[in-house]
Amino acid sequence: MGKFSVEIKWGLIFFAVALAWMYFEKLMGWHGEKIDQHATYTLLFMPIAILMYVLALREKKEKNDGILSWKEGFKAGLVIALVVAVLSPLSQFIVHKVISPDYFDTVIKYSVDNGFLTQEQAETNFNLKSYIWQSVIGAIGAGAITSAIVAIFVRNR
């Protein structure tokens, strides 16, 4: 575990910050009366996510005597992404059962009322199982892309 302690630590930090962000979204009304703004404003989390990867890879570099190749940085970022992916089902459960239990009903109603989806399509897209799978796949995909890019800037040249 010592070999990946930085990655595990930052995966756990990412998990906690993402939950805090979800709570913030709920407080801002983006899971309720301002659901129409959710898709846009949720993108504001991207710079926070990138910053966490930057800080994680900088710490990894510091712990490695100031030396980090692109490959090492990318690998470290992938481990963080895997930690986040493993925690994603728990995260989605907490978000949709504790923080914002009415989210799915709200987004389904909004999607159907505005003609974006049929009731059946909305129910298929907006449910806990679907969001768990999306979050696992998203964590790995976005984590890999973010890791690849951030590692370019953090690496030694």
N, C-alpha and C. Protein backbone atom coordinates (compact mmCIF):
# COMPACT_ATOMS: atom_id res chain seq x y z
N MET A 1 0.83 -1.20 0.00
CA MET A 1 0.00 0.00 0.00
C MET A 1 0.86 1.25 0.00
N GLY A 2 2.05 1.20 0.59
CA GLY A 2 2.93 2.35 0.65
C GLY A 2 3.29 2.89 -0.73
N LYS A 3 3.38 1.97 -1.70
CA LYS A 3 3.74 2.37 -3.07
C LYS A 3 2.66 3.28 -3.68
N PHE A 4 1.42 3.07 -3.29
CA PHE A 4 0.32 3.83 -3.86
C PHE A 4 -0.38 4.71 -2.82
N SER A 5 0.30 5.04 -1.74
CA SER A 5 -0.34 5.80 -0.67
C SER A 5 -0.79 7.19 -1.13
N VAL A 6 0.01 7.84 -1.97
CA VAL A 6 -0.37 9.17 -2.47
C VAL A 6 -1.63 9.06 -3.33
N GLU A 7 -1.67 8.06 -4.19
CA GLU A 7 -2.81 7.89 -5.09
C GLU A 7 -4.08 7.55 -4.31
N ILE A 8 -3.96 6.67 -3.34
CA ILE A 8 -5.13 6.31 -2.53
C ILE A 8 -5.62 7.53 -1.75
N LYS A 9 -4.68 8.27 -1.17
CA LYS A 9 -5.04 9.49 -0.42
C LYS A 9 -5.81 10.45 -1.32
N TRP A 10 -5.32 10.69 -2.54
CA TRP A 10 -5.97 11.65 -3.43
C TRP A 10 -7.27 11.10 -4.02
N GLY A 11 -7.36 9.79 -4.17
CA GLY A 11 -8.64 9.20 -4.57
C GLY A 11 -9.71 9.43 -3.51
N LEU A 12 -9.31 9.29 -2.25
CA LEU A 12 -10.24 9.55 -1.14
C LEU A 12 -10.59 11.03 -1.04
N ILE A 13 -9.60 11.89 -1.26
CA ILE A 13 -9.87 13.34 -1.26
C ILE A 13 -10.85 13.68 -2.39
N PHE A 14 -10.61 13.11 -3.57
CA PHE A 14 -11.50 13.36 -4.70
C PHE A 14 -12.93 12.94 -4.36
N PHE A 15 -13.07 11.77 -3.76
CA PHE A 15 -14.37 11.26 -3.34
C PHE A 15 -15.07 12.25 -2.41
N ALA A 16 -14.35 12.74 -1.41
CA ALA A 16 -14.93 13.67 -0.44
C ALA A 16 -15.29 15.01 -1.08
N VAL A 17 -14.41 15.52 -1.93
CA VAL A 17 -14.66 16.81 -2.59
C VAL A 17 -15.85 16.68 -3.55
N ALA A 18 -15.94 15.56 -4.25
CA ALA A 18 -17.07 15.36 -5.16
C ALA A 18 -18.40 15.31 -4.40
N LEU A 19 -18.40 14.67 -3.24
CA LEU A 19 -19.62 14.66 -2.42
C LEU A 19 -19.96 16.07 -1.95
N ALA A 20 -18.95 16.81 -1.53
CA ALA A 20 -19.18 18.19 -1.10
C ALA A 20 -19.74 19.02 -2.27
N TRP A 21 -19.21 18.79 -3.47
CA TRP A 21 -19.71 19.50 -4.65
C TRP A 21 -21.18 19.15 -4.90
N MET A 22 -21.54 17.90 -4.75
CA MET A 22 -22.93 17.49 -4.95
C MET A 22 -23.85 18.18 -3.94
N TYR A 23 -23.37 18.30 -2.72
CA TYR A 23 -24.14 19.00 -1.70
C TYR A 23 -24.29 20.48 -2.09
N PHE A 24 -23.22 21.07 -2.60
CA PHE A 24 -23.25 22.46 -3.07
C PHE A 24 -24.27 22.61 -4.20
N GLU A 25 -24.25 21.66 -5.16
CA GLU A 25 -25.23 21.71 -6.25
C GLU A 25 -26.65 21.67 -5.71
N LYS A 26 -26.87 20.83 -4.73
CA LYS A 26 -28.19 20.72 -4.11
C LYS A 26 -28.58 22.06 -3.47
N LEU A 27 -27.64 22.65 -2.72
CA LEU A 27 -27.91 23.94 -2.06
C LEU A 27 -28.21 25.05 -3.08
N MET A 28 -27.55 24.98 -4.23
CA MET A 28 -27.74 26.00 -5.27
C MET A 28 -29.06 25.82 -6.01
N GLY A 29 -29.75 24.71 -5.75
CA GLY A 29 -31.03 24.46 -6.40
C GLY A 29 -30.92 23.75 -7.74
N TRP A 30 -29.72 23.32 -8.11
CA TRP A 30 -29.50 22.68 -9.41
C TRP A 30 -30.02 21.25 -9.45
N HIS A 31 -30.47 20.72 -8.31
CA HIS A 31 -31.09 19.40 -8.28
C HIS A 31 -32.60 19.55 -8.08
N GLY A 32 -33.08 20.77 -8.06
CA GLY A 32 -34.49 21.02 -7.80
C GLY A 32 -35.05 22.05 -8.75
N GLU A 33 -35.43 23.20 -8.18
CA GLU A 33 -36.11 24.23 -8.97
C GLU A 33 -35.28 24.80 -10.12
N LYS A 34 -33.95 24.67 -10.06
CA LYS A 34 -33.08 25.15 -11.14
C LYS A 34 -32.45 23.98 -11.89
N ILE A 35 -33.18 22.88 -12.01
CA ILE A 35 -32.66 21.68 -12.67
C ILE A 35 -32.25 21.98 -14.11
N ASP A 36 -32.89 22.96 -14.73
CA ASP A 36 -32.54 23.33 -16.11
C ASP A 36 -31.12 23.86 -16.22
N GLN A 37 -30.53 24.30 -15.12
CA GLN A 37 -29.16 24.83 -15.12
C GLN A 37 -28.13 23.77 -14.73
N HIS A 38 -28.58 22.62 -14.29
CA HIS A 38 -27.67 21.60 -13.76
C HIS A 38 -26.60 21.18 -14.75
N ALA A 39 -26.99 20.85 -15.97
CA ALA A 39 -26.03 20.36 -16.96
C ALA A 39 -24.91 21.38 -17.21
N THR A 40 -25.23 22.65 -17.18
CA THR A 40 -24.23 23.69 -17.40
C THR A 40 -23.35 23.89 -16.17
N TYR A 41 -23.97 24.08 -15.03
CA TYR A 41 -23.21 24.43 -13.83
C TYR A 41 -22.42 23.26 -13.23
N THR A 42 -22.82 22.05 -13.54
CA THR A 42 -22.04 20.91 -13.04
C THR A 42 -20.65 20.88 -13.68
N LEU A 43 -20.52 21.51 -14.84
CA LEU A 43 -19.21 21.60 -15.51
C LEU A 43 -18.21 22.44 -14.72
N LEU A 44 -18.70 23.25 -13.80
CA LEU A 44 -17.80 24.04 -12.96
C LEU A 44 -16.93 23.17 -12.06
N PHE A 45 -17.30 21.91 -11.92
CA PHE A 45 -16.49 20.99 -11.11
C PHE A 45 -15.21 20.59 -11.84
N MET A 46 -15.18 20.71 -13.15
CA MET A 46 -14.01 20.27 -13.92
C MET A 46 -12.70 20.90 -13.47
N PRO A 47 -12.63 22.23 -13.30
CA PRO A 47 -11.35 22.80 -12.84
C PRO A 47 -10.94 22.29 -11.45
N ILE A 48 -11.92 22.01 -10.62
CA ILE A 48 -11.62 21.47 -9.28
C ILE A 48 -11.03 20.07 -9.42
N ALA A 49 -11.62 19.26 -10.29
CA ALA A 49 -11.13 17.90 -10.53
C ALA A 49 -9.71 17.94 -11.09
N ILE A 50 -9.48 18.81 -12.04
CA ILE A 50 -8.14 18.93 -12.63
C ILE A 50 -7.14 19.38 -11.57
N LEU A 51 -7.53 20.35 -10.75
CA LEU A 51 -6.64 20.82 -9.69
C LEU A 51 -6.25 19.68 -8.75
N MET A 52 -7.21 18.82 -8.43
CA MET A 52 -6.89 17.70 -7.53
C MET A 52 -5.85 16.77 -8.17
N TYR A 53 -5.96 16.54 -9.46
CA TYR A 53 -4.96 15.71 -10.14
C TYR A 53 -3.60 16.41 -10.17
N VAL A 54 -3.60 17.72 -10.40
CA VAL A 54 -2.33 18.47 -10.38
C VAL A 54 -1.67 18.35 -9.00
N LEU A 55 -2.44 18.59 -7.96
CA LEU A 55 -1.89 18.51 -6.60
C LEU A 55 -1.41 17.10 -6.28
N ALA A 56 -2.16 16.11 -6.72
CA ALA A 56 -1.77 14.71 -6.47
C ALA A 56 -0.46 14.37 -7.17
N LEU A 57 -0.36 14.74 -8.44
CA LEU A 57 0.86 14.40 -9.17
C LEU A 57 2.06 15.22 -8.70
N ARG A 58 1.82 16.43 -8.26
CA ARG A 58 2.91 17.21 -7.67
C ARG A 58 3.39 16.56 -6.37
N GLU A 59 2.45 16.06 -5.56
CA GLU A 59 2.85 15.37 -4.34
C GLU A 59 3.61 14.09 -4.67
N LYS A 60 3.15 13.37 -5.67
CA LYS A 60 3.83 12.14 -6.10
C LYS A 60 5.26 12.46 -6.52
N LYS A 61 5.42 13.54 -7.26
CA LYS A 61 6.74 13.97 -7.71
C LYS A 61 7.62 14.34 -6.52
N GLU A 62 7.05 15.09 -5.58
CA GLU A 62 7.79 15.51 -4.38
C GLU A 62 8.25 14.30 -3.57
N LYS A 63 7.38 13.31 -3.43
CA LYS A 63 7.72 12.10 -2.67
C LYS A 63 8.76 11.25 -3.39
N ASN A 64 8.93 11.50 -4.67
CA ASN A 64 9.89 10.75 -5.48
C ASN A 64 11.14 11.60 -5.75
N ASP A 65 11.53 12.38 -4.75
CA ASP A 65 12.73 13.24 -4.83
C ASP A 65 12.69 14.23 -5.99
N GLY A 66 11.50 14.70 -6.32
CA GLY A 66 11.37 15.72 -7.36
C GLY A 66 11.46 15.18 -8.77
N ILE A 67 11.36 13.88 -8.91
CA ILE A 67 11.48 13.26 -10.23
C ILE A 67 10.19 12.54 -10.57
N LEU A 68 9.63 12.85 -11.74
CA LEU A 68 8.42 12.18 -12.19
C LEU A 68 8.40 12.21 -13.71
N SER A 69 8.43 11.05 -14.33
CA SER A 69 8.31 10.97 -15.79
C SER A 69 6.83 11.07 -16.16
N TRP A 70 6.57 11.27 -17.45
CA TRP A 70 5.18 11.30 -17.90
C TRP A 70 4.51 9.97 -17.59
N LYS A 71 5.22 8.87 -17.87
CA LYS A 71 4.67 7.54 -17.66
C LYS A 71 4.32 7.31 -16.18
N GLU A 72 5.20 7.73 -15.28
CA GLU A 72 4.94 7.58 -13.84
C GLU A 72 3.75 8.44 -13.41
N GLY A 73 3.68 9.66 -13.95
CA GLY A 73 2.56 10.55 -13.63
C GLY A 73 1.25 10.01 -14.16
N PHE A 74 1.28 9.49 -15.38
CA PHE A 74 0.08 8.92 -15.98
C PHE A 74 -0.38 7.72 -15.17
N LYS A 75 0.55 6.86 -14.81
CA LYS A 75 0.23 5.67 -14.02
C LYS A 75 -0.37 6.06 -12.66
N ALA A 76 0.22 7.06 -12.01
CA ALA A 76 -0.30 7.53 -10.72
C ALA A 76 -1.73 8.06 -10.89
N GLY A 77 -1.95 8.82 -11.95
CA GLY A 77 -3.29 9.34 -12.21
C GLY A 77 -4.30 8.24 -12.48
N LEU A 78 -3.87 7.19 -13.17
CA LEU A 78 -4.77 6.06 -13.42
C LEU A 78 -5.15 5.36 -12.12
N VAL A 79 -4.20 5.25 -11.19
CA VAL A 79 -4.51 4.64 -9.91
C VAL A 79 -5.53 5.48 -9.15
N ILE A 80 -5.35 6.80 -9.19
CA ILE A 80 -6.33 7.70 -8.57
C ILE A 80 -7.71 7.47 -9.20
N ALA A 81 -7.74 7.41 -10.53
CA ALA A 81 -9.00 7.20 -11.25
C ALA A 81 -9.64 5.87 -10.84
N LEU A 82 -8.84 4.84 -10.65
CA LEU A 82 -9.37 3.55 -10.23
C LEU A 82 -9.95 3.61 -8.81
N VAL A 83 -9.27 4.34 -7.93
CA VAL A 83 -9.79 4.52 -6.57
C VAL A 83 -11.14 5.24 -6.62
N VAL A 84 -11.20 6.30 -7.42
CA VAL A 84 -12.45 7.05 -7.57
C VAL A 84 -13.54 6.15 -8.17
N ALA A 85 -13.17 5.35 -9.17
CA ALA A 85 -14.13 4.46 -9.81
C ALA A 85 -14.67 3.42 -8.82
N VAL A 86 -13.80 2.88 -8.00
CA VAL A 86 -14.23 1.89 -7.01
C VAL A 86 -15.19 2.52 -6.00
N LEU A 87 -14.94 3.78 -5.66
CA LEU A 87 -15.79 4.48 -4.69
C LEU A 87 -17.06 5.07 -5.32
N SER A 88 -17.13 5.08 -6.64
CA SER A 88 -18.26 5.69 -7.33
C SER A 88 -19.63 5.13 -6.95
N PRO A 89 -19.79 3.82 -6.84
CA PRO A 89 -21.11 3.33 -6.43
C PRO A 89 -21.54 3.87 -5.07
N LEU A 90 -20.61 3.91 -4.12
CA LEU A 90 -20.92 4.46 -2.80
C LEU A 90 -21.26 5.95 -2.92
N SER A 91 -20.50 6.66 -3.71
CA SER A 91 -20.74 8.09 -3.92
C SER A 91 -22.13 8.32 -4.49
N GLN A 92 -22.49 7.57 -5.52
CA GLN A 92 -23.81 7.74 -6.13
C GLN A 92 -24.92 7.38 -5.14
N PHE A 93 -24.70 6.35 -4.36
CA PHE A 93 -25.69 5.99 -3.35
C PHE A 93 -25.89 7.13 -2.36
N ILE A 94 -24.81 7.70 -1.87
CA ILE A 94 -24.89 8.80 -0.90
C ILE A 94 -25.59 10.01 -1.53
N VAL A 95 -25.20 10.34 -2.76
CA VAL A 95 -25.80 11.50 -3.42
C VAL A 95 -27.30 11.32 -3.60
N HIS A 96 -27.71 10.16 -4.10
CA HIS A 96 -29.10 9.99 -4.48
C HIS A 96 -30.02 9.44 -3.39
N LYS A 97 -29.44 8.98 -2.31
CA LYS A 97 -30.27 8.51 -1.20
C LYS A 97 -30.22 9.45 0.00
N VAL A 98 -29.14 10.23 0.13
CA VAL A 98 -28.97 11.10 1.30
C VAL A 98 -29.00 12.58 0.91
N ILE A 99 -28.11 12.98 0.02
CA ILE A 99 -27.96 14.40 -0.31
C ILE A 99 -29.14 14.91 -1.14
N SER A 100 -29.51 14.17 -2.16
CA SER A 100 -30.53 14.65 -3.09
C SER A 100 -31.48 13.51 -3.50
N PRO A 101 -32.28 13.03 -2.56
CA PRO A 101 -33.14 11.87 -2.86
C PRO A 101 -34.22 12.13 -3.91
N ASP A 102 -34.55 13.37 -4.18
CA ASP A 102 -35.58 13.69 -5.17
C ASP A 102 -35.01 13.98 -6.55
N TYR A 103 -33.70 13.89 -6.71
CA TYR A 103 -33.05 14.27 -7.97
C TYR A 103 -33.64 13.53 -9.17
N PHE A 104 -33.73 12.21 -9.09
CA PHE A 104 -34.20 11.45 -10.26
C PHE A 104 -35.63 11.83 -10.63
N ASP A 105 -36.51 11.95 -9.65
CA ASP A 105 -37.88 12.36 -9.94
C ASP A 105 -37.91 13.73 -10.61
N THR A 106 -37.07 14.63 -10.11
CA THR A 106 -37.04 16.00 -10.65
C THR A 106 -36.52 16.02 -12.08
N VAL A 107 -35.41 15.34 -12.34
CA VAL A 107 -34.82 15.37 -13.68
C VAL A 107 -35.68 14.59 -14.68
N ILE A 108 -36.35 13.55 -14.24
CA ILE A 108 -37.26 12.82 -15.12
C ILE A 108 -38.43 13.73 -15.52
N LYS A 109 -39.03 14.37 -14.53
CA LYS A 109 -40.16 15.27 -14.81
C LYS A 109 -39.73 16.40 -15.75
N TYR A 110 -38.57 17.00 -15.48
CA TYR A 110 -38.07 18.10 -16.33
C TYR A 110 -37.85 17.61 -17.76
N SER A 111 -37.23 16.46 -17.93
CA SER A 111 -36.92 15.94 -19.26
C SER A 111 -38.19 15.62 -20.05
N VAL A 112 -39.18 15.05 -19.37
CA VAL A 112 -40.44 14.70 -20.03
C VAL A 112 -41.26 15.95 -20.32
N ASP A 113 -41.40 16.83 -19.34
CA ASP A 113 -42.20 18.05 -19.50
C ASP A 113 -41.67 18.95 -20.61
N ASN A 114 -40.36 18.93 -20.83
CA ASN A 114 -39.77 19.78 -21.86
C ASN A 114 -39.56 19.06 -23.19
N GLY A 115 -40.05 17.84 -23.29
CA GLY A 115 -40.01 17.11 -24.55
C GLY A 115 -38.65 16.57 -24.94
N PHE A 116 -37.73 16.51 -24.00
CA PHE A 116 -36.40 15.99 -24.31
C PHE A 116 -36.41 14.47 -24.43
N LEU A 117 -37.20 13.82 -23.60
CA LEU A 117 -37.29 12.36 -23.56
C LEU A 117 -38.72 11.94 -23.27
N THR A 118 -39.03 10.72 -23.66
CA THR A 118 -40.32 10.15 -23.24
C THR A 118 -40.16 9.73 -21.77
N GLN A 119 -41.26 9.42 -21.13
CA GLN A 119 -41.22 8.96 -19.75
C GLN A 119 -40.33 7.72 -19.63
N GLU A 120 -40.51 6.78 -20.53
CA GLU A 120 -39.73 5.54 -20.49
C GLU A 120 -38.24 5.81 -20.69
N GLN A 121 -37.90 6.67 -21.65
CA GLN A 121 -36.49 7.00 -21.88
C GLN A 121 -35.88 7.67 -20.66
N ALA A 122 -36.63 8.59 -20.08
CA ALA A 122 -36.13 9.32 -18.91
C ALA A 122 -35.91 8.36 -17.74
N GLU A 123 -36.85 7.47 -17.53
CA GLU A 123 -36.69 6.51 -16.42
C GLU A 123 -35.53 5.56 -16.66
N THR A 124 -35.26 5.24 -17.92
CA THR A 124 -34.13 4.38 -18.26
C THR A 124 -32.80 5.11 -18.03
N ASN A 125 -32.77 6.39 -18.35
CA ASN A 125 -31.53 7.18 -18.22
C ASN A 125 -31.26 7.65 -16.80
N PHE A 126 -32.29 8.03 -16.10
CA PHE A 126 -32.13 8.67 -14.79
C PHE A 126 -32.55 7.74 -13.65
N ASN A 127 -31.63 6.89 -13.25
CA ASN A 127 -31.85 5.99 -12.12
C ASN A 127 -30.50 5.64 -11.51
N LEU A 128 -30.53 5.11 -10.33
CA LEU A 128 -29.29 4.84 -9.59
C LEU A 128 -28.37 3.87 -10.33
N LYS A 129 -28.91 2.81 -10.87
CA LYS A 129 -28.07 1.83 -11.58
C LYS A 129 -27.35 2.49 -12.77
N SER A 130 -28.08 3.26 -13.54
CA SER A 130 -27.49 3.94 -14.69
C SER A 130 -26.40 4.92 -14.25
N TYR A 131 -26.68 5.68 -13.21
CA TYR A 131 -25.71 6.66 -12.73
C TYR A 131 -24.48 6.00 -12.12
N ILE A 132 -24.65 4.86 -11.49
CA ILE A 132 -23.49 4.13 -10.96
C ILE A 132 -22.58 3.72 -12.12
N TRP A 133 -23.15 3.12 -13.15
CA TRP A 133 -22.34 2.72 -14.30
C TRP A 133 -21.68 3.91 -14.98
N GLN A 134 -22.44 4.98 -15.16
CA GLN A 134 -21.88 6.18 -15.79
C GLN A 134 -20.73 6.75 -14.96
N SER A 135 -20.88 6.73 -13.65
CA SER A 135 -19.83 7.31 -12.79
C SER A 135 -18.58 6.44 -12.78
N VAL A 136 -18.73 5.14 -12.81
CA VAL A 136 -17.56 4.25 -12.86
C VAL A 136 -16.81 4.44 -14.18
N ILE A 137 -17.54 4.38 -15.27
CA ILE A 137 -16.92 4.55 -16.59
C ILE A 137 -16.35 5.96 -16.74
N GLY A 138 -17.09 6.95 -16.28
CA GLY A 138 -16.63 8.33 -16.35
C GLY A 138 -15.38 8.58 -15.53
N ALA A 139 -15.31 7.99 -14.36
CA ALA A 139 -14.13 8.16 -13.50
C ALA A 139 -12.89 7.61 -14.18
N ILE A 140 -13.02 6.46 -14.81
CA ILE A 140 -11.87 5.86 -15.49
C ILE A 140 -11.50 6.66 -16.75
N GLY A 141 -12.50 6.98 -17.55
CA GLY A 141 -12.24 7.72 -18.80
C GLY A 141 -11.72 9.13 -18.56
N ALA A 142 -12.43 9.89 -17.75
CA ALA A 142 -12.00 11.27 -17.48
C ALA A 142 -10.69 11.27 -16.70
N GLY A 143 -10.53 10.31 -15.79
CA GLY A 143 -9.29 10.21 -15.03
C GLY A 143 -8.11 9.92 -15.92
N ALA A 144 -8.27 9.04 -16.90
CA ALA A 144 -7.19 8.71 -17.82
C ALA A 144 -6.80 9.92 -18.66
N ILE A 145 -7.80 10.61 -19.19
CA ILE A 145 -7.52 11.80 -20.02
C ILE A 145 -6.86 12.88 -19.18
N THR A 146 -7.42 13.15 -18.01
CA THR A 146 -6.85 14.18 -17.12
C THR A 146 -5.43 13.81 -16.72
N SER A 147 -5.20 12.56 -16.39
CA SER A 147 -3.86 12.10 -16.00
C SER A 147 -2.86 12.29 -17.12
N ALA A 148 -3.25 11.93 -18.33
CA ALA A 148 -2.36 12.06 -19.47
C ALA A 148 -1.94 13.51 -19.69
N ILE A 149 -2.89 14.42 -19.57
CA ILE A 149 -2.61 15.83 -19.81
C ILE A 149 -1.83 16.45 -18.65
N VAL A 150 -2.28 16.20 -17.44
CA VAL A 150 -1.62 16.79 -16.26
C VAL A 150 -0.19 16.28 -16.14
N ALA A 151 0.04 15.01 -16.46
CA ALA A 151 1.38 14.43 -16.38
C ALA A 151 2.36 15.14 -17.31
N ILE A 152 1.87 15.67 -18.42
CA ILE A 152 2.73 16.43 -19.34
C ILE A 152 3.31 17.66 -18.64
N PHE A 153 2.50 18.31 -17.83
CA PHE A 153 2.91 19.56 -17.19
C PHE A 153 3.67 19.34 -15.88
N VAL A 154 3.46 18.21 -15.24
CA VAL A 154 4.08 17.95 -13.95
C VAL A 154 5.41 17.22 -14.09
N ARG A 155 5.58 16.52 -15.18
CA ARG A 155 6.78 15.70 -15.39
C ARG A 155 8.06 16.52 -15.43
N ASN A 156 9.17 15.82 -15.27
CA ASN A 156 10.46 16.43 -15.48
C ASN A 156 10.77 16.38 -16.97
N ARG A 157 11.41 17.41 -17.44
CA ARG A 157 11.73 17.43 -18.89
C ARG A 157 13.15 17.05 -19.13
